[in-house]
N, C-alpha and C. Protein backbone atom coordinates (compact mmCIF):
# COMPACT_ATOMS: atom_id res chain seq x y z
N MET A 1 -28.34 31.55 -0.48
CA MET A 1 -28.12 30.28 0.19
C MET A 1 -29.05 29.17 -0.28
N THR A 2 -28.72 28.11 -1.01
CA THR A 2 -29.48 26.86 -1.47
C THR A 2 -30.12 26.33 -0.18
N THR A 3 -31.68 26.11 -0.29
CA THR A 3 -32.26 25.33 0.55
C THR A 3 -32.13 24.13 0.37
N VAL A 4 -32.97 23.24 1.10
CA VAL A 4 -33.02 21.86 1.12
C VAL A 4 -33.68 21.49 -0.11
N THR A 5 -34.81 22.24 -0.30
CA THR A 5 -36.06 22.01 -1.11
C THR A 5 -35.35 22.43 -2.62
N GLU A 6 -34.12 23.19 -2.71
CA GLU A 6 -33.77 23.31 -4.23
C GLU A 6 -32.76 22.16 -4.59
N ILE A 7 -32.52 21.11 -3.97
CA ILE A 7 -31.24 20.37 -4.26
C ILE A 7 -31.82 19.34 -5.14
N PRO A 8 -31.43 19.62 -6.49
CA PRO A 8 -31.60 18.71 -7.58
C PRO A 8 -31.01 17.34 -7.19
N THR A 9 -31.59 16.17 -8.13
CA THR A 9 -31.05 14.88 -7.81
C THR A 9 -29.73 14.93 -8.44
N PRO A 10 -28.42 14.62 -7.67
CA PRO A 10 -27.50 14.35 -8.09
C PRO A 10 -26.96 13.44 -8.81
N ALA A 11 -26.16 13.60 -10.19
CA ALA A 11 -26.12 12.60 -11.16
C ALA A 11 -24.58 11.85 -10.69
N VAL A 12 -24.81 10.55 -10.55
CA VAL A 12 -23.47 9.70 -10.33
C VAL A 12 -23.80 8.54 -11.06
N ARG A 13 -22.21 8.29 -11.77
CA ARG A 13 -22.45 7.12 -12.73
C ARG A 13 -22.53 6.03 -12.09
N GLY A 14 -23.06 4.96 -12.81
CA GLY A 14 -23.06 3.54 -12.33
C GLY A 14 -23.85 3.20 -11.40
N VAL A 15 -24.69 4.11 -11.01
CA VAL A 15 -25.89 3.86 -9.84
C VAL A 15 -27.17 4.70 -10.48
N ARG A 16 -28.26 4.20 -9.83
CA ARG A 16 -29.41 5.07 -9.91
C ARG A 16 -30.08 5.43 -8.76
N LEU A 17 -30.39 6.87 -8.74
CA LEU A 17 -30.82 7.55 -7.60
C LEU A 17 -32.33 7.72 -7.68
N LEU A 18 -33.04 7.11 -6.60
CA LEU A 18 -34.67 7.34 -6.73
C LEU A 18 -34.99 8.40 -5.58
N PRO A 19 -35.64 9.40 -5.98
CA PRO A 19 -35.74 10.25 -4.89
C PRO A 19 -36.85 9.63 -3.89
N VAL A 20 -36.34 9.63 -2.49
CA VAL A 20 -37.29 9.19 -1.33
C VAL A 20 -38.12 10.60 -0.79
N SER A 21 -37.54 11.58 -0.57
CA SER A 21 -37.84 12.95 -0.56
C SER A 21 -37.11 14.16 -0.72
N ALA A 22 -37.49 15.33 -0.55
CA ALA A 22 -36.76 16.40 -1.44
C ALA A 22 -35.17 16.33 -1.16
N ARG A 23 -34.91 15.65 -0.01
CA ARG A 23 -33.28 15.60 0.44
C ARG A 23 -33.12 13.90 0.51
N ARG A 24 -33.51 13.33 0.24
CA ARG A 24 -33.06 11.86 0.53
C ARG A 24 -33.48 10.93 -1.08
N TRP A 25 -32.53 10.22 -1.38
CA TRP A 25 -32.52 9.40 -2.01
C TRP A 25 -31.88 7.67 -1.85
N ARG A 26 -32.74 6.78 -2.68
CA ARG A 26 -32.28 5.38 -2.53
C ARG A 26 -31.26 5.39 -3.55
N VAL A 27 -30.18 4.65 -3.38
CA VAL A 27 -29.07 4.39 -4.18
C VAL A 27 -29.07 2.84 -4.59
N LEU A 28 -29.45 2.66 -5.79
CA LEU A 28 -29.53 1.21 -6.55
C LEU A 28 -28.24 1.09 -7.39
N ASP A 29 -27.72 -0.25 -7.31
CA ASP A 29 -26.68 -0.51 -8.06
C ASP A 29 -26.95 -0.93 -9.38
N ARG A 30 -25.98 -1.41 -10.60
CA ARG A 30 -26.76 -1.46 -11.70
C ARG A 30 -27.65 -2.79 -11.95
N ARG A 31 -27.77 -3.41 -10.84
CA ARG A 31 -28.60 -4.71 -10.91
C ARG A 31 -29.99 -4.18 -10.17
N GLY A 32 -30.20 -3.27 -9.57
CA GLY A 32 -31.27 -2.77 -9.09
C GLY A 32 -31.23 -2.99 -7.59
N VAL A 33 -30.09 -3.44 -6.94
CA VAL A 33 -30.00 -3.68 -5.51
C VAL A 33 -29.93 -2.77 -4.87
N VAL A 34 -30.65 -2.31 -3.72
CA VAL A 34 -30.52 -1.18 -2.98
C VAL A 34 -29.22 -1.14 -2.01
N ILE A 35 -28.33 -0.06 -2.35
CA ILE A 35 -27.14 -0.32 -1.49
C ILE A 35 -27.00 0.83 -0.40
N GLY A 36 -27.91 1.31 -0.35
CA GLY A 36 -27.91 2.41 0.92
C GLY A 36 -28.92 3.58 0.57
N HIS A 37 -28.58 4.84 1.02
CA HIS A 37 -29.19 6.05 1.07
C HIS A 37 -28.38 7.34 0.84
N LEU A 38 -28.78 8.15 0.30
CA LEU A 38 -28.08 9.59 0.20
C LEU A 38 -28.88 10.44 0.49
N ARG A 39 -28.30 11.42 1.68
CA ARG A 39 -29.21 12.50 2.41
C ARG A 39 -28.22 13.66 1.97
N ALA A 40 -28.76 14.82 1.80
CA ALA A 40 -28.41 16.02 1.48
C ALA A 40 -28.76 16.92 2.68
N ASP A 41 -27.70 17.52 3.47
CA ASP A 41 -27.94 18.64 4.47
C ASP A 41 -27.18 19.62 4.07
N THR A 42 -28.06 20.80 4.10
CA THR A 42 -27.36 22.33 3.82
C THR A 42 -26.70 22.72 5.47
N VAL A 43 -25.59 23.13 5.12
CA VAL A 43 -24.76 23.55 6.24
C VAL A 43 -24.15 25.13 5.97
N ALA A 44 -23.49 25.41 6.67
CA ALA A 44 -23.21 26.89 6.35
C ALA A 44 -22.15 27.06 5.49
N ALA A 45 -21.17 26.16 5.64
CA ALA A 45 -20.14 26.26 4.15
C ALA A 45 -20.85 25.47 2.65
N GLY A 46 -22.05 24.92 2.89
CA GLY A 46 -22.52 24.44 1.50
C GLY A 46 -23.34 23.35 1.71
N ILE A 47 -23.29 22.26 0.87
CA ILE A 47 -24.44 20.95 0.98
C ILE A 47 -23.47 19.96 1.19
N ARG A 48 -23.55 19.17 2.34
CA ARG A 48 -23.17 17.98 2.63
C ARG A 48 -23.79 16.87 2.16
N PHE A 49 -23.33 15.57 1.50
CA PHE A 49 -23.92 14.44 1.22
C PHE A 49 -23.46 13.50 2.27
N ARG A 50 -24.28 12.77 2.84
CA ARG A 50 -24.42 11.82 3.80
C ARG A 50 -24.92 10.12 3.12
N ALA A 51 -23.84 9.17 3.29
CA ALA A 51 -23.89 7.99 3.24
C ALA A 51 -24.94 7.24 4.31
N GLU A 52 -25.75 6.68 4.01
CA GLU A 52 -26.54 6.22 5.17
C GLU A 52 -26.79 4.62 4.51
N ARG A 53 -26.88 3.62 5.76
CA ARG A 53 -27.50 2.40 5.46
C ARG A 53 -28.65 2.13 6.60
N PHE A 54 -29.64 1.25 6.08
CA PHE A 54 -30.65 0.63 6.80
C PHE A 54 -30.33 -0.33 7.99
N ASP A 55 -30.08 0.09 9.24
CA ASP A 55 -29.61 -1.04 10.15
C ASP A 55 -31.00 -1.77 10.37
N LEU A 56 -31.20 -2.93 10.12
CA LEU A 56 -32.31 -3.69 10.47
C LEU A 56 -32.30 -4.15 11.89
N ALA A 57 -31.44 -4.18 12.54
CA ALA A 57 -31.48 -4.90 14.01
C ALA A 57 -32.11 -3.73 14.68
N ALA A 58 -31.42 -2.62 14.66
CA ALA A 58 -31.72 -1.30 15.42
C ALA A 58 -33.51 -0.80 14.54
N ALA A 59 -33.58 -1.09 13.69
CA ALA A 59 -34.73 -0.59 12.78
C ALA A 59 -34.53 1.02 12.45
N ARG A 60 -33.35 1.56 12.04
CA ARG A 60 -32.80 3.05 11.85
C ARG A 60 -32.15 3.29 10.93
N MET A 61 -31.86 4.03 10.55
CA MET A 61 -30.85 4.52 9.33
C MET A 61 -29.61 4.92 10.09
N ARG A 62 -28.35 4.08 9.73
CA ARG A 62 -27.12 4.38 10.37
C ARG A 62 -26.06 5.01 9.36
N PRO A 63 -25.69 6.22 9.88
CA PRO A 63 -24.65 6.80 9.04
C PRO A 63 -23.28 6.46 8.96
N ILE A 64 -22.81 6.46 7.59
CA ILE A 64 -21.83 5.69 7.09
C ILE A 64 -20.41 6.76 7.09
N GLY A 65 -20.99 8.17 6.52
CA GLY A 65 -19.97 9.02 6.53
C GLY A 65 -20.45 10.61 5.69
N SER A 66 -20.09 11.50 5.88
CA SER A 66 -20.54 12.78 5.56
C SER A 66 -19.47 13.25 4.38
N PHE A 67 -19.83 13.64 3.20
CA PHE A 67 -19.06 13.96 2.14
C PHE A 67 -19.58 15.47 1.75
N TRP A 68 -18.53 16.03 0.82
CA TRP A 68 -18.81 17.33 0.01
C TRP A 68 -19.39 16.92 -1.18
N ASN A 69 -19.36 15.79 -1.95
CA ASN A 69 -19.88 15.63 -3.16
C ASN A 69 -21.04 14.28 -2.99
N ALA A 70 -21.72 13.99 -3.66
CA ALA A 70 -22.51 12.84 -3.87
C ALA A 70 -21.89 11.68 -4.54
N HIS A 71 -20.70 11.90 -5.49
CA HIS A 71 -19.82 10.84 -5.97
C HIS A 71 -19.05 10.08 -4.79
N GLU A 72 -18.52 10.89 -3.63
CA GLU A 72 -17.78 10.13 -2.86
C GLU A 72 -18.70 9.48 -1.69
N ALA A 73 -20.04 10.18 -1.31
CA ALA A 73 -20.60 9.47 -0.48
C ALA A 73 -21.30 8.06 -1.18
N VAL A 74 -21.59 8.00 -2.56
CA VAL A 74 -21.98 6.76 -3.38
C VAL A 74 -20.74 5.58 -3.38
N GLU A 75 -19.54 6.49 -3.81
CA GLU A 75 -18.44 5.29 -3.56
C GLU A 75 -18.36 4.66 -2.13
N CYS A 76 -18.30 5.52 -1.10
CA CYS A 76 -18.42 5.03 0.19
C CYS A 76 -19.42 3.60 0.41
N LEU A 77 -20.57 3.91 -0.11
CA LEU A 77 -21.79 2.96 0.20
C LEU A 77 -21.38 1.71 -0.80
N ARG A 78 -20.79 1.93 -1.97
CA ARG A 78 -20.27 0.98 -2.77
C ARG A 78 -19.13 0.05 -2.33
N HIS A 79 -18.04 0.74 -1.50
CA HIS A 79 -16.95 -0.18 -1.12
C HIS A 79 -17.13 -0.60 0.46
N LEU A 80 -18.13 -0.15 0.78
CA LEU A 80 -18.73 -1.00 2.05
C LEU A 80 -19.60 -2.11 2.01
N ARG A 81 -19.86 -2.75 1.04
CA ARG A 81 -21.08 -3.90 0.75
C ARG A 81 -20.41 -4.99 1.33
């Protein structure tokens, strides 16, 4: 079973992923603007990638969606701008 610390940085075209921790990346578009965060969680069936955005009013991360691959999670962040 893969542990969270063994998750490599996913490669997604059109964005840059900057590691924030062993299981979280800041997602930047081509201009360098932060469009959200990507978090990897290990579950019984594999690795789930969660798209998140920072909610300034609540001062916390707000979940956007949970996906089986990083590309879908990033696409979700792109389309919800």
